[in-house]
Every structure is written in C-alpha cells, then in structure tokens.
Amino acid sequence: QVLLVESGGGLVQAGGSLRISCAASGRAFSDYAMGWFRQAPLKAREFVAGINWQGDSTYNVDIVKGRFIISRDDAKNTMYLQMNNLQPEDTAVYYCAAPRDDCSTYRCPFPTPRNFYGYWGQGTQVTVSS
C-alpha cells in the first residue's frame, strides 16, 4: 500500500519561503510521476505542480510559475516543493499525490490527469501572513 507523508508546513510572512516534503513508501517511487495539490478554506482542491517519473520534466499552474519549484530525490523516496515569495493567497493545506498503480513509467500521460491520481497524503498546513 502506498503511503504519502507530507511535512514542513508552517507559518511564514508574505514574501518568505518554505519547503515542504513528501515521503513516499509502498512501491517503487522512482517509477511514478508525482504531484502537489492545495486546498484553501471553502475552496476546491487545486493542482499546483507535477513532476514526471524521470525527474526531468515539471509542470506548474500559472499562479505559482516563477515562485514554486517541484523536485524529487529518488534515493530518498521524497518529493519537494520549494515555495518562494509566498503570498497570503497561497495559504492552504498542501497535499502530496501519486498516480494509481497502473501509471508507472510511460504508461500514463504527463502532465498526469487529475483523475489518474490514486493516492493522497494527509496534508500539511501552510499559512502566509500579510
């Protein structure tokens, strides 16, 4: 069973930086694309960034381009999201997500379609004060 555990959230002032992590276990981490989502209060969960299984292609939504960087360390089975120039509107619970089991390596498209994500972490709170 795939287990995803986020860490590194917290409170930061506007303009500051934070790096959150997602530790994965339960299958070959290096064979799968990964993604970050977030959910602000009273809003739907939204996609933030994704990285392919090789680690050489990433995709961010426009609102975080130039500020957020997704990366992975396959030796540590861990994915990261470096968030710079954080703004109050970035306040949300951030979730790590992994595709379903049949999406290893080339088997599924990248960027990973939202409905292909089959595993989710418990989330980590990021709060940005103005």
Foldseek 3Di string as FASTA:
>chain_A
DKAKAKDWADEEAAQAKTKMKIAIDDDQLLFWKKFKWWDDPPGDIGTAKIAGSPFPDMDGDPVQPPFWDWGDDSVRNMIMIIGGRDDQVVWTWMKMWTFDPQHTHPRADPVHPPVRTDDIHPTDTHGYHD
